[in-house]
Amino acid sequence: MTITLYAFPVSQPARAVLWAMLAEGTKFEYVTVMPGKGTRTKEYMAQGRFPTVPRIVDGDFVLNESHAILTYLGEKEEWALYPKDPQVRAKIQEYFNWHHGNTRKVTTAYFAPIVRKDIPFPKEVIAFETLIATNSLKTLNKILAATPFITGHNPTVADISAFCEISQCLPEIFNLTPLEPYPHVKAWLARCKTDIPKYEEAHESFFKIMPRIQAAFKSSPKM
């Protein structure tokens, strides 16, 4: 039975799941659902426990949250991006647990206050999130100075998850914050593009929408 992926191209976690599924050749049907609108319909809210994207439906099994989805599919489909080595899997889960309170702040500090007008972001919250985002980039820069990818010498779903947040800082994307202080992060971003298959295909819809978001950043006052 074909898996259905409910996602939206601008959503960083949804893009991570899409990229992993494409990279691994997992067959799926794609359904576009916009956060804050499509996720709030009665049908969508009744289908699963949490009204968010990404979501997958695999038969009668419904699962939200990108890291849960990546873990589930990685195990079920025996993905190379989720190696069977228990120590590598433990490192992936270590990163996943750290991601929400750290790398994810790149989005909540710089991106969401401009794009998600349906959510209030007080200035003091943005300032705190910005501090965490900066410290997260410093930590990842240190990790990536030692190994080419987050868990070691080969890319995993941990790298895909982190990439979809941090790549927004690239000048050609949204230029959220300068990456010059983090040379190992910059080099890692380039490696992810070349070493993880289907980068262009996974980002095709996002790239089509991107100019409109870039225009929103240009017209918005500095936070």
Protein backbone atom coordinates (compact mmCIF):
# COMPACT_ATOMS: atom_id res chain seq x y z
CA MET A 1 0.00 0.00 0.00
CA THR A 2 1.34 3.43 -0.97
CA ILE A 3 2.15 5.84 1.84
CA THR A 4 0.51 9.27 1.73
CA LEU A 5 2.63 12.24 2.76
CA TYR A 6 0.82 15.39 3.85
CA ALA A 7 3.23 18.30 3.64
CA PHE A 8 3.87 21.88 2.57
CA PRO A 9 7.02 22.91 0.67
CA VAL A 10 7.88 25.83 2.96
CA SER A 11 7.72 23.67 6.09
CA GLN A 12 11.25 22.71 7.05
CA PRO A 13 10.29 19.43 8.80
CA ALA A 14 8.00 18.47 5.92
CA ARG A 15 10.77 19.17 3.43
CA ALA A 16 13.08 16.92 5.43
CA VAL A 17 10.67 13.99 5.23
CA LEU A 18 10.06 14.58 1.52
CA TRP A 19 13.80 14.64 0.79
CA ALA A 20 14.47 11.46 2.76
CA MET A 21 11.64 9.59 1.06
CA LEU A 22 12.83 10.66 -2.39
CA ALA A 23 16.46 9.88 -1.58
CA GLU A 24 15.54 6.38 -0.45
CA GLY A 25 13.12 5.69 -3.30
CA THR A 26 10.16 5.19 -0.98
CA LYS A 27 6.92 5.28 -2.97
CA PHE A 28 4.35 7.78 -1.77
CA GLU A 29 1.49 10.05 -2.73
CA TYR A 30 2.01 13.74 -1.96
CA VAL A 31 -0.84 15.89 -0.63
CA THR A 32 -0.27 19.60 -0.07
CA VAL A 33 -1.59 20.90 3.25
CA MET A 34 -0.85 24.46 4.37
CA PRO A 35 0.02 24.93 8.06
CA GLY A 36 -2.44 27.10 9.91
CA LYS A 37 -5.14 26.61 7.25
CA GLY A 38 -5.36 23.11 5.84
CA THR A 39 -4.18 21.67 9.14
CA ARG A 40 -7.18 23.23 10.90
CA THR A 41 -9.93 21.65 8.82
CA LYS A 42 -12.27 19.25 10.61
CA GLU A 43 -11.21 16.41 8.32
CA TYR A 44 -7.50 16.88 8.92
CA MET A 45 -7.91 17.31 12.66
CA ALA A 46 -10.05 14.18 12.87
CA GLN A 47 -7.59 12.09 10.86
CA GLY A 48 -4.67 12.33 13.29
CA ARG A 49 -3.83 13.25 16.85
CA PHE A 50 -1.93 16.44 16.03
CA PRO A 51 -3.02 19.11 13.47
CA THR A 52 0.41 19.63 11.93
CA VAL A 53 2.56 18.78 8.92
CA PRO A 54 4.30 16.63 8.02
CA ARG A 55 2.00 13.67 8.42
CA ILE A 56 2.06 10.24 6.83
CA VAL A 57 -0.73 7.73 6.45
CA ASP A 58 0.47 4.17 5.98
CA GLY A 59 -2.62 1.98 5.68
CA ASP A 60 -4.59 2.69 8.84
CA PHE A 61 -1.53 4.06 10.63
CA VAL A 62 -1.33 7.86 10.99
CA LEU A 63 1.85 9.55 12.21
CA ASN A 64 2.86 13.19 12.65
CA GLU A 65 6.16 14.82 13.56
CA SER A 66 9.11 14.65 11.19
CA HIS A 67 11.53 12.87 13.51
CA ALA A 68 8.97 10.21 14.39
CA ILE A 69 8.23 9.74 10.68
CA LEU A 70 11.90 9.56 9.72
CA THR A 71 12.54 6.98 12.45
CA TYR A 72 9.48 4.92 11.55
CA LEU A 73 10.22 4.85 7.82
CA GLY A 74 13.92 4.37 8.41
CA GLU A 75 13.20 1.22 10.41
CA LYS A 76 10.31 -0.08 8.32
CA GLU A 77 11.89 0.56 4.91
CA GLU A 78 15.47 -0.21 6.04
CA TRP A 79 16.81 3.10 4.83
CA ALA A 80 20.54 3.59 4.34
CA LEU A 81 20.00 7.05 5.84
CA TYR A 82 18.91 5.32 9.07
CA PRO A 83 21.68 2.70 9.46
CA LYS A 84 21.08 -0.48 11.45
CA ASP A 85 24.13 0.14 13.62
CA PRO A 86 22.59 0.80 17.09
CA GLN A 87 25.25 3.36 17.96
CA VAL A 88 24.58 5.39 14.82
CA ARG A 89 20.84 5.20 15.50
CA ALA A 90 21.47 6.36 19.04
CA LYS A 91 23.44 9.33 17.71
CA ILE A 92 20.59 10.16 15.34
CA GLN A 93 18.11 10.11 18.21
CA GLU A 94 20.51 12.16 20.32
CA TYR A 95 20.52 14.80 17.60
CA PHE A 96 16.75 14.61 17.11
CA ASN A 97 16.18 15.26 20.81
CA TRP A 98 18.61 18.18 20.74
CA HIS A 99 17.26 19.61 17.48
CA HIS A 100 13.90 20.87 18.79
CA GLY A 101 15.41 23.11 21.44
CA ASN A 102 18.41 24.19 19.40
CA THR A 103 18.74 23.95 15.58
CA ARG A 104 15.01 24.51 15.18
CA LYS A 105 15.51 27.96 16.70
CA VAL A 106 17.08 29.09 13.41
CA THR A 107 13.56 28.96 12.02
CA THR A 108 11.68 30.26 15.06
CA ALA A 109 14.11 33.15 15.57
CA TYR A 110 14.61 34.40 12.02
CA PHE A 111 12.06 32.86 9.67
CA ALA A 112 8.76 32.32 11.47
CA PRO A 113 8.30 35.89 12.82
CA ILE A 114 8.24 37.16 9.22
CA VAL A 115 6.30 34.36 7.55
CA ARG A 116 3.88 33.06 10.19
CA LYS A 117 1.69 36.11 10.70
CA ASP A 118 -0.91 33.89 12.38
CA ILE A 119 1.42 33.39 15.37
CA PRO A 120 2.49 36.23 17.71
CA PHE A 121 6.25 36.52 18.35
CA PRO A 122 7.09 39.01 21.15
CA LYS A 123 10.44 40.77 20.73
CA GLU A 124 11.85 39.32 23.92
CA VAL A 125 11.02 35.80 22.71
CA ILE A 126 12.72 36.44 19.38
CA ALA A 127 15.82 37.75 21.18
CA PHE A 128 16.00 34.60 23.32
CA GLU A 129 15.44 32.31 20.34
CA THR A 130 18.18 34.16 18.44
CA LEU A 131 20.66 33.53 21.24
CA ILE A 132 19.87 29.80 21.21
CA ALA A 133 20.13 29.67 17.41
CA THR A 134 23.58 31.28 17.54
CA ASN A 135 24.80 28.84 20.19
CA SER A 136 23.38 25.94 18.17
CA LEU A 137 25.36 26.96 15.09
CA LYS A 138 28.49 27.20 17.23
CA THR A 139 27.90 23.69 18.58
CA LEU A 140 27.29 22.21 15.15
CA ASN A 141 30.34 23.95 13.77
CA LYS A 142 32.41 22.21 16.45
CA ILE A 143 30.82 18.81 15.72
CA LEU A 144 31.34 19.20 11.98
CA ALA A 145 34.97 20.15 12.48
CA ALA A 146 35.52 16.59 13.72
CA THR A 147 33.34 14.59 11.29
CA PRO A 148 31.95 15.35 7.82
CA PHE A 149 28.36 14.65 8.94
CA ILE A 150 26.48 15.00 12.21
CA THR A 151 26.70 11.34 13.28
CA GLY A 152 29.99 10.45 11.63
CA HIS A 153 31.40 9.83 8.17
CA ASN A 154 28.14 9.20 6.31
CA PRO A 155 24.97 11.28 5.94
CA THR A 156 21.84 10.26 7.83
CA VAL A 157 18.34 11.58 8.43
CA ALA A 158 19.88 13.75 11.16
CA ASP A 159 21.73 15.72 8.49
CA ILE A 160 18.60 16.11 6.38
CA SER A 161 16.65 17.45 9.35
CA ALA A 162 19.36 19.95 10.27
CA PHE A 163 19.98 20.98 6.67
CA CYS A 164 16.37 22.03 6.10
CA GLU A 165 16.65 24.51 8.97
CA ILE A 166 20.17 25.83 8.48
CA SER A 167 20.16 26.09 4.67
CA GLN A 168 17.71 28.97 5.06
CA CYS A 169 20.73 31.02 6.16
CA LEU A 170 22.36 30.70 2.75
CA PRO A 171 22.38 33.98 0.76
CA GLU A 172 20.59 32.33 -2.16
CA ILE A 173 17.77 31.15 0.13
CA PHE A 174 16.69 33.65 2.83
CA ASN A 175 20.04 34.89 4.16
CA LEU A 176 18.65 34.62 7.70
CA THR A 177 21.97 35.07 9.48
CA PRO A 178 25.60 35.10 8.28
CA LEU A 179 27.32 31.70 8.16
CA GLU A 180 30.86 33.05 7.82
CA PRO A 181 31.59 32.41 11.54
CA TYR A 182 30.74 28.73 10.96
CA PRO A 183 32.98 27.47 8.12
CA HIS A 184 32.46 23.81 8.96
CA VAL A 185 28.69 24.28 8.81
CA LYS A 186 29.03 25.94 5.39
CA ALA A 187 31.16 23.08 4.08
CA TRP A 188 28.70 20.53 5.49
CA LEU A 189 25.77 22.22 3.73
CA ALA A 190 27.62 21.85 0.43
CA ARG A 191 28.34 18.17 1.17
CA CYS A 192 24.70 17.47 1.94
CA LYS A 193 23.65 18.85 -1.44
CA THR A 194 26.03 16.56 -3.30
CA ASP A 195 26.15 13.46 -1.09
CA ILE A 196 22.44 13.02 -0.34
CA PRO A 197 20.46 12.12 -3.49
CA LYS A 198 17.45 14.01 -4.84
CA TYR A 199 18.28 17.42 -3.37
CA GLU A 200 16.98 19.33 -6.38
CA GLU A 201 13.82 17.23 -6.72
CA ALA A 202 13.02 17.53 -3.03
CA HIS A 203 13.34 21.32 -3.16
CA GLU A 204 11.68 21.92 -6.54
CA SER A 205 8.33 23.12 -5.16
CA PHE A 206 10.05 25.11 -2.43
CA PHE A 207 12.23 26.93 -4.96
CA LYS A 208 9.10 27.94 -6.90
CA ILE A 209 7.56 29.53 -3.80
CA MET A 210 10.82 30.98 -2.49
CA PRO A 211 10.81 34.32 -4.40
CA ARG A 212 7.55 35.35 -2.73
CA ILE A 213 9.02 34.67 0.70
CA GLN A 214 12.22 36.50 -0.18
CA ALA A 215 10.08 39.49 -1.12
CA ALA A 216 8.39 39.33 2.29
CA PHE A 217 11.76 39.47 4.00
CA LYS A 218 12.86 42.45 1.93
CA SER A 219 9.70 44.40 2.76
CA SER A 220 9.70 43.59 6.49
CA PRO A 221 11.50 45.72 9.07
CA LYS A 222 14.48 44.20 10.84
CA MET A 223 13.42 42.28 13.92
